[in-house]
Amino acid sequence: MVSNVTRKGMLFFALFLVLIIAGCGAKSGGNIVEGKVNVVTSFYPIYEFAKEIGGEDVNAINLLPVGVEPHDWTPRSQDIVNTSKAQLFLYNGAGLEGWVPNFLKGLDSESGVQSVEVSKGIDLIMTDEEEEHGHGAEEGTDEHESEETATNEHADEGDSLHTDPHTWVSPKSALIMAENIKNSLQNADPDHKAGYEERYNILADRLIKLDNEFVEELGKLPNKEIVVSHQAFAYLCRDYGLTQHAIMGLSPDAEPRSQDIVELANMVKDEGIRYIFFEELVSDKLAKTLAGEAGVSTMVLNPVEGLTEDQAKANDDYFTLMEKNLQNLILALK
């Protein structure tokens, strides 16, 4: 027979294992706070802008944990419960968060939470993702269409067209997103409308300054082509006169064919490109493979989809990361 002491020990051990397993995996952070406007955001840039504009009147909760890439992340049931208790749920839209439709259905219909797609009003870029997975995406200043126009003109192409969701990577688009966030806060909490307006104006001035820096610095560089691991920079390229060639498509999980690596390597050599850009939240293996094939170096170009653990500890934010992006672009293109 098993003694009571042994049973208790086994029960404790089993409970310990359950807690360990439940603790595994990335979890979002933040709790609902009474007396504040609780704002739940889908990923990092929206979270940062909501905090900046909301100030002391807002309790911002970011669903996406630190160190996690957003494309394939999905929320937990507890995230739905917490969001149902909030006043606002802010998400990017444009196809970034594939989980949002089901998430919205799961929210308590009586909760009163307002859901806002913050990319509304941006001239969205449409792309044939399948083709660009295989051949390297090229997005320049004239290779874009709004979502509505593209949908109307290419309806016969079925599901081949995809919306590029990486709006925030351009300060010009980020400014539109910030205004949408400000408006949503004012609608949800009109008593603090003036404060939201004041803090938004401060944020807008910083984004305009950043935009001007990109225009001035990139405009005077002789080279305009960049090679990136993940097709995340079309809005940046469109707004500042660059062209991107991507190893992978809109999702950083896409695997290119070996012949595509060879073709890109030849293009890198022919065009005299000196750097292959990679990002920190996904593997740099393919970027290093291409760089080795072409005989060039690698460098970071951050799509600012989230912070790494080290960046969070260093108090990096959208602006510090974008400034680093600008400096790396200057180094690569001069």
Protein backbone atom coordinates (compact mmCIF):
# COMPACT_ATOMS: atom_id res chain seq x y z
CA MET A 1 0.00 0.00 0.00
CA VAL A 2 1.06 3.55 -0.64
CA SER A 3 1.34 5.66 2.51
CA ASN A 4 -0.46 9.00 2.95
CA VAL A 5 2.90 10.75 2.97
CA THR A 6 3.82 9.13 -0.35
CA ARG A 7 0.43 10.01 -1.84
CA LYS A 8 0.85 13.63 -0.76
CA GLY A 9 4.33 13.68 -2.22
CA MET A 10 3.11 12.26 -5.53
CA LEU A 11 0.22 14.74 -5.59
CA PHE A 12 2.58 17.64 -4.92
CA PHE A 13 4.93 16.45 -7.65
CA ALA A 14 2.05 16.11 -10.14
CA LEU A 15 0.81 19.60 -9.29
CA PHE A 16 4.35 20.93 -9.69
CA LEU A 17 4.55 19.40 -13.19
CA VAL A 18 1.22 20.94 -14.16
CA LEU A 19 2.40 24.36 -13.05
CA ILE A 20 5.65 23.96 -14.95
CA ILE A 21 3.84 22.92 -18.14
CA ALA A 22 1.32 25.74 -17.78
CA GLY A 23 4.18 28.19 -17.38
CA CYS A 24 5.89 27.05 -20.56
CA GLY A 25 5.35 29.05 -23.72
CA ALA A 26 5.16 32.79 -24.25
CA LYS A 27 2.48 34.65 -22.37
CA SER A 28 1.25 38.17 -22.78
CA GLY A 29 1.44 40.48 -19.80
CA GLY A 30 -0.71 42.99 -18.00
CA ASN A 31 -3.87 43.04 -15.94
CA ILE A 32 -7.08 45.05 -16.11
CA VAL A 33 -6.93 48.12 -13.84
CA GLU A 34 -10.07 49.71 -12.46
CA GLY A 35 -10.38 53.47 -12.94
CA LYS A 36 -8.28 53.53 -16.10
CA VAL A 37 -9.10 53.16 -19.77
CA ASN A 38 -7.87 49.61 -20.40
CA VAL A 39 -6.45 49.25 -23.88
CA VAL A 40 -5.44 45.85 -25.22
CA THR A 41 -3.12 45.88 -28.23
CA SER A 42 -2.23 43.10 -30.65
CA PHE A 43 1.50 43.78 -30.98
CA TYR A 44 4.34 46.11 -30.04
CA PRO A 45 4.17 49.32 -32.16
CA ILE A 46 0.47 49.79 -31.40
CA TYR A 47 1.20 49.18 -27.72
CA GLU A 48 3.93 51.82 -27.67
CA PHE A 49 1.81 54.44 -29.43
CA ALA A 50 -1.18 53.72 -27.18
CA LYS A 51 1.00 54.17 -24.09
CA GLU A 52 2.50 57.40 -25.42
CA ILE A 53 -0.85 58.93 -26.31
CA GLY A 54 -2.74 57.48 -23.36
CA GLY A 55 -0.33 58.58 -20.66
CA GLU A 56 -1.56 58.23 -17.09
CA ASP A 57 -5.18 57.88 -18.21
CA VAL A 58 -4.59 54.53 -19.92
CA ASN A 59 -3.60 51.05 -18.83
CA ALA A 60 -2.10 49.45 -21.94
CA ILE A 61 -1.82 45.66 -22.19
CA ASN A 62 0.12 44.13 -25.06
CA LEU A 63 -1.02 40.66 -26.10
CA LEU A 64 2.20 39.77 -27.90
CA PRO A 65 4.95 38.82 -25.42
CA VAL A 66 8.49 40.20 -25.57
CA GLY A 67 10.75 38.24 -27.90
CA VAL A 68 7.91 36.75 -29.99
CA GLU A 69 7.44 37.32 -33.74
CA PRO A 70 3.79 38.23 -34.44
CA HIS A 71 3.00 36.45 -37.71
CA ASP A 72 2.28 33.01 -36.28
CA TRP A 73 1.41 33.88 -32.68
CA THR A 74 -2.13 33.17 -31.48
CA PRO A 75 -3.83 34.37 -28.28
CA ARG A 76 -4.86 32.20 -25.33
CA SER A 77 -8.38 31.93 -23.97
CA GLN A 78 -7.34 34.14 -21.05
CA ASP A 79 -6.42 36.88 -23.51
CA ILE A 80 -10.00 36.86 -24.77
CA VAL A 81 -11.31 37.05 -21.20
CA ASN A 82 -9.06 40.02 -20.35
CA THR A 83 -9.88 41.84 -23.56
CA SER A 84 -13.60 41.47 -22.85
CA LYS A 85 -13.00 43.52 -19.69
CA ALA A 86 -11.18 46.32 -21.54
CA GLN A 87 -12.58 49.45 -23.15
CA LEU A 88 -10.49 49.22 -26.34
CA PHE A 89 -8.91 46.51 -28.44
CA LEU A 90 -6.46 47.91 -31.00
CA TYR A 91 -5.08 45.75 -33.81
CA ASN A 92 -3.21 46.48 -37.02
CA GLY A 93 -5.39 44.68 -39.54
CA ALA A 94 -4.33 44.51 -43.20
CA GLY A 95 -3.89 40.77 -42.78
CA LEU A 96 -1.27 40.79 -40.01
CA GLU A 97 -3.28 39.12 -37.26
CA GLY A 98 -5.02 36.16 -38.88
CA TRP A 99 -6.52 35.25 -35.49
CA VAL A 100 -8.46 38.50 -35.09
CA PRO A 101 -11.81 37.46 -36.72
CA ASN A 102 -12.24 34.49 -34.37
CA PHE A 103 -10.89 36.55 -31.48
CA LEU A 104 -13.55 39.21 -32.04
CA LYS A 105 -16.25 36.53 -32.17
CA GLY A 106 -15.02 35.22 -28.83
CA LEU A 107 -15.32 38.56 -27.05
CA ASP A 108 -18.27 38.94 -24.71
CA SER A 109 -20.97 40.68 -26.75
CA GLU A 110 -22.10 42.56 -23.64
CA SER A 111 -18.63 43.74 -22.66
CA GLY A 112 -18.76 46.98 -24.62
CA VAL A 113 -15.13 46.72 -25.75
CA GLN A 114 -14.50 48.76 -28.91
CA SER A 115 -12.34 47.09 -31.57
CA VAL A 116 -10.33 49.39 -33.83
CA GLU A 117 -8.25 48.52 -36.91
CA VAL A 118 -5.52 51.14 -36.70
CA SER A 119 -4.19 50.75 -40.26
CA LYS A 120 -7.40 52.26 -41.68
CA GLY A 121 -6.66 55.17 -44.00
CA ILE A 122 -3.24 53.93 -45.11
CA ASP A 123 -2.77 53.33 -48.83
CA LEU A 124 -2.21 49.58 -48.54
CA ILE A 125 0.20 47.70 -50.77
CA MET A 126 -1.05 44.59 -52.55
CA THR A 127 1.36 41.87 -53.56
CA ASP A 128 1.39 38.45 -55.17
CA GLU A 129 3.00 36.66 -52.25
CA GLU A 130 3.48 33.29 -53.94
CA GLU A 131 5.44 34.75 -56.82
CA GLU A 132 7.53 36.90 -54.52
CA HIS A 133 8.33 33.97 -52.25
CA GLY A 134 10.05 32.43 -55.22
CA HIS A 135 11.74 35.35 -56.86
CA GLY A 136 12.48 38.01 -54.29
CA ALA A 137 9.99 40.81 -53.73
CA GLU A 138 10.55 44.08 -55.47
CA GLU A 139 8.65 47.05 -54.06
CA GLY A 140 9.56 50.52 -55.20
CA THR A 141 7.90 53.89 -55.30
CA ASP A 142 5.57 53.04 -58.20
CA GLU A 143 4.71 49.42 -57.42
CA HIS A 144 1.75 49.74 -55.11
CA GLU A 145 -2.02 50.01 -55.12
CA SER A 146 -4.61 50.70 -52.51
CA GLU A 147 -6.48 47.67 -51.20
CA GLU A 148 -9.77 48.85 -52.73
CA THR A 149 -8.28 49.53 -56.16
CA ALA A 150 -6.36 46.28 -56.24
CA THR A 151 -9.41 44.31 -55.18
CA ASN A 152 -11.53 45.82 -57.94
CA GLU A 153 -8.96 45.54 -60.69
CA HIS A 154 -7.73 42.06 -59.85
CA ALA A 155 -10.88 40.30 -58.73
CA ASP A 156 -10.33 37.66 -61.40
CA GLU A 157 -7.02 36.68 -59.83
CA GLY A 158 -8.78 35.05 -56.87
CA ASP A 159 -6.65 34.60 -53.79
CA SER A 160 -3.30 35.34 -55.45
CA LEU A 161 -3.16 38.89 -54.13
CA HIS A 162 -2.30 39.57 -50.52
CA THR A 163 -2.26 42.76 -48.52
CA ASP A 164 1.17 43.67 -47.16
CA PRO A 165 0.47 44.34 -43.45
CA HIS A 166 3.80 45.97 -42.49
CA THR A 167 2.44 49.50 -42.44
CA TRP A 168 4.18 50.76 -39.30
CA VAL A 169 7.70 50.31 -40.73
CA SER A 170 7.27 53.64 -42.52
CA PRO A 171 7.03 56.69 -40.24
CA LYS A 172 4.55 58.18 -42.72
CA SER A 173 2.15 55.29 -42.18
CA ALA A 174 2.91 55.16 -38.46
CA LEU A 175 1.66 58.75 -38.22
CA ILE A 176 -1.74 57.68 -39.60
CA MET A 177 -1.85 54.78 -37.16
CA ALA A 178 -1.06 57.11 -34.26
CA GLU A 179 -3.90 59.42 -35.24
CA ASN A 180 -6.31 56.48 -35.40
CA ILE A 181 -5.22 55.43 -31.92
CA LYS A 182 -5.71 58.96 -30.62
CA ASN A 183 -9.20 59.14 -32.12
CA SER A 184 -10.16 55.79 -30.61
CA LEU A 185 -9.01 56.91 -27.16
CA GLN A 186 -10.95 60.15 -27.43
CA ASN A 187 -14.08 58.26 -28.48
CA ALA A 188 -13.74 55.79 -25.61
CA ASP A 189 -12.83 58.43 -23.01
CA PRO A 190 -14.04 61.92 -24.03
CA ASP A 191 -13.40 63.28 -20.52
CA HIS A 192 -9.64 63.19 -21.22
CA LYS A 193 -9.84 64.29 -24.85
CA ALA A 194 -7.51 67.27 -24.39
CA GLY A 195 -4.80 65.14 -22.78
CA TYR A 196 -4.91 62.60 -25.59
CA GLU A 197 -4.68 65.40 -28.14
CA GLU A 198 -1.70 66.98 -26.40
CA ARG A 199 0.24 63.73 -26.10
CA TYR A 200 -0.63 62.74 -29.66
CA ASN A 201 0.79 66.05 -30.93
CA ILE A 202 4.07 65.31 -29.14
CA LEU A 203 4.21 61.83 -30.68
CA ALA A 204 3.24 63.18 -34.11
CA ASP A 205 6.05 65.74 -33.97
CA ARG A 206 8.54 62.95 -33.26
CA LEU A 207 7.21 60.86 -36.15
CA ILE A 208 7.35 63.84 -38.52
CA LYS A 209 10.93 64.53 -37.45
CA LEU A 210 11.82 60.87 -38.03
CA ASP A 211 10.12 60.98 -41.43
CA ASN A 212 12.10 64.08 -42.39
CA GLU A 213 15.34 62.36 -41.39
CA PHE A 214 14.54 59.37 -43.60
CA VAL A 215 13.64 61.63 -46.52
CA GLU A 216 16.79 63.75 -46.19
CA GLU A 217 19.32 61.01 -45.46
CA LEU A 218 18.06 58.33 -47.87
CA GLY A 219 17.38 60.85 -50.60
CA LYS A 220 21.05 61.73 -50.96
CA LEU A 221 22.38 58.16 -51.07
CA PRO A 222 23.58 56.86 -54.46
CA ASN A 223 22.24 53.31 -54.07
CA LYS A 224 18.58 52.41 -53.61
CA GLU A 225 18.35 48.59 -53.57
CA ILE A 226 18.26 46.50 -50.40
CA VAL A 227 18.15 42.74 -49.90
CA VAL A 228 16.19 41.62 -46.84
CA SER A 229 15.38 38.26 -45.28
CA HIS A 230 11.65 39.00 -44.83
CA GLN A 231 9.40 41.00 -47.14
CA ALA A 232 8.55 43.57 -44.48
CA PHE A 233 9.84 46.84 -45.91
CA ALA A 234 7.59 47.67 -48.86
CA TYR A 235 6.05 50.73 -47.14
CA LEU A 236 9.49 51.98 -46.14
CA CYS A 237 10.72 51.47 -49.70
CA ARG A 238 7.68 53.09 -51.28
CA ASP A 239 7.84 56.17 -49.09
CA TYR A 240 11.60 56.75 -49.32
CA GLY A 241 12.47 55.70 -52.87
CA LEU A 242 14.05 52.30 -52.20
CA THR A 243 13.53 48.85 -53.71
CA GLN A 244 13.56 45.67 -51.65
CA HIS A 245 14.51 42.15 -52.76
CA ALA A 246 13.25 39.63 -50.21
CA ILE A 247 14.50 36.11 -49.55
CA MET A 248 11.15 35.21 -47.96
CA GLY A 249 7.64 36.53 -48.48
CA LEU A 250 5.21 38.35 -46.21
CA SER A 251 5.56 35.61 -43.61
CA PRO A 252 9.10 35.05 -42.30
CA ASP A 253 8.40 31.30 -42.18
CA ALA A 254 8.31 30.92 -45.95
CA GLU A 255 11.15 28.85 -47.39
CA PRO A 256 12.66 29.95 -50.72
CA ARG A 257 13.90 27.47 -53.30
CA SER A 258 17.63 26.90 -53.64
CA GLN A 259 17.55 28.32 -57.15
CA ASP A 260 16.07 31.55 -55.74
CA ILE A 261 19.05 31.89 -53.40
CA VAL A 262 21.38 31.46 -56.36
CA GLU A 263 19.47 34.02 -58.44
CA LEU A 264 19.50 36.53 -55.58
CA ALA A 265 23.22 35.93 -55.02
CA ASN A 266 23.89 36.68 -58.69
CA MET A 267 21.78 39.84 -58.49
CA VAL A 268 23.69 40.94 -55.37
CA LYS A 269 26.99 40.49 -57.20
CA ASP A 270 25.76 42.20 -60.39
CA GLU A 271 24.36 45.21 -58.53
CA GLY A 272 27.32 45.58 -56.15
CA ILE A 273 25.13 45.20 -53.06
CA ARG A 274 27.34 44.91 -49.98
CA TYR A 275 24.97 43.79 -47.22
CA ILE A 276 22.14 41.32 -46.69
CA PHE A 277 19.73 42.51 -44.01
CA PHE A 278 18.29 40.18 -41.38
CA GLU A 279 16.07 40.69 -38.32
CA GLU A 280 16.47 39.56 -34.72
CA LEU A 281 13.13 37.88 -33.99
CA VAL A 282 13.52 35.21 -36.68
CA SER A 283 16.38 32.98 -37.75
CA ASP A 284 19.20 34.63 -39.68
CA LYS A 285 20.18 31.34 -41.33
CA LEU A 286 18.90 32.18 -44.83
CA ALA A 287 20.38 35.68 -44.76
CA LYS A 288 23.76 34.23 -43.83
CA THR A 289 23.41 31.55 -46.50
CA LEU A 290 22.76 34.19 -49.16
CA ALA A 291 25.55 36.41 -47.85
CA GLY A 292 27.97 33.49 -47.99
CA GLU A 293 26.87 32.62 -51.53
CA ALA A 294 27.31 36.23 -52.66
CA GLY A 295 30.44 36.95 -50.64
CA VAL A 296 28.98 39.89 -48.72
CA SER A 297 28.22 40.78 -45.09
CA THR A 298 25.01 40.81 -43.03
CA MET A 299 23.43 43.61 -41.04
CA VAL A 300 20.23 44.16 -39.05
CA LEU A 301 17.20 45.91 -40.52
CA ASN A 302 14.48 45.75 -37.91
CA PRO A 303 10.79 45.52 -38.95
CA VAL A 304 9.92 46.68 -35.40
CA GLU A 305 7.36 43.92 -34.94
CA GLY A 306 8.43 43.44 -31.34
CA LEU A 307 11.30 43.79 -28.90
CA THR A 308 13.86 41.17 -28.00
CA GLU A 309 14.57 40.56 -24.31
CA ASP A 310 17.80 42.57 -24.60
CA GLN A 311 16.06 45.47 -26.35
CA ALA A 312 13.37 45.59 -23.67
CA LYS A 313 16.04 45.67 -20.95
CA ALA A 314 17.86 48.45 -22.80
CA ASN A 315 14.61 50.50 -23.01
CA ASP A 316 14.66 50.48 -26.79
CA ASP A 317 11.49 51.66 -28.50
CA TYR A 318 10.07 52.36 -31.94
CA PHE A 319 12.19 55.48 -32.35
CA THR A 320 15.53 54.03 -31.23
CA LEU A 321 15.03 51.00 -33.47
CA MET A 322 14.04 53.12 -36.46
CA GLU A 323 17.04 55.39 -35.91
CA LYS A 324 19.27 52.31 -35.94
CA ASN A 325 17.55 51.20 -39.14
CA LEU A 326 18.31 54.55 -40.74
CA GLN A 327 21.97 54.42 -39.75
CA ASN A 328 22.31 50.87 -41.10
CA LEU A 329 20.62 51.85 -44.37
CA ILE A 330 23.02 54.78 -44.73
CA LEU A 331 26.00 52.46 -44.15
CA ALA A 332 24.72 49.88 -46.63
CA LEU A 333 23.70 52.28 -49.41
CA LYS A 334 26.44 54.89 -49.40
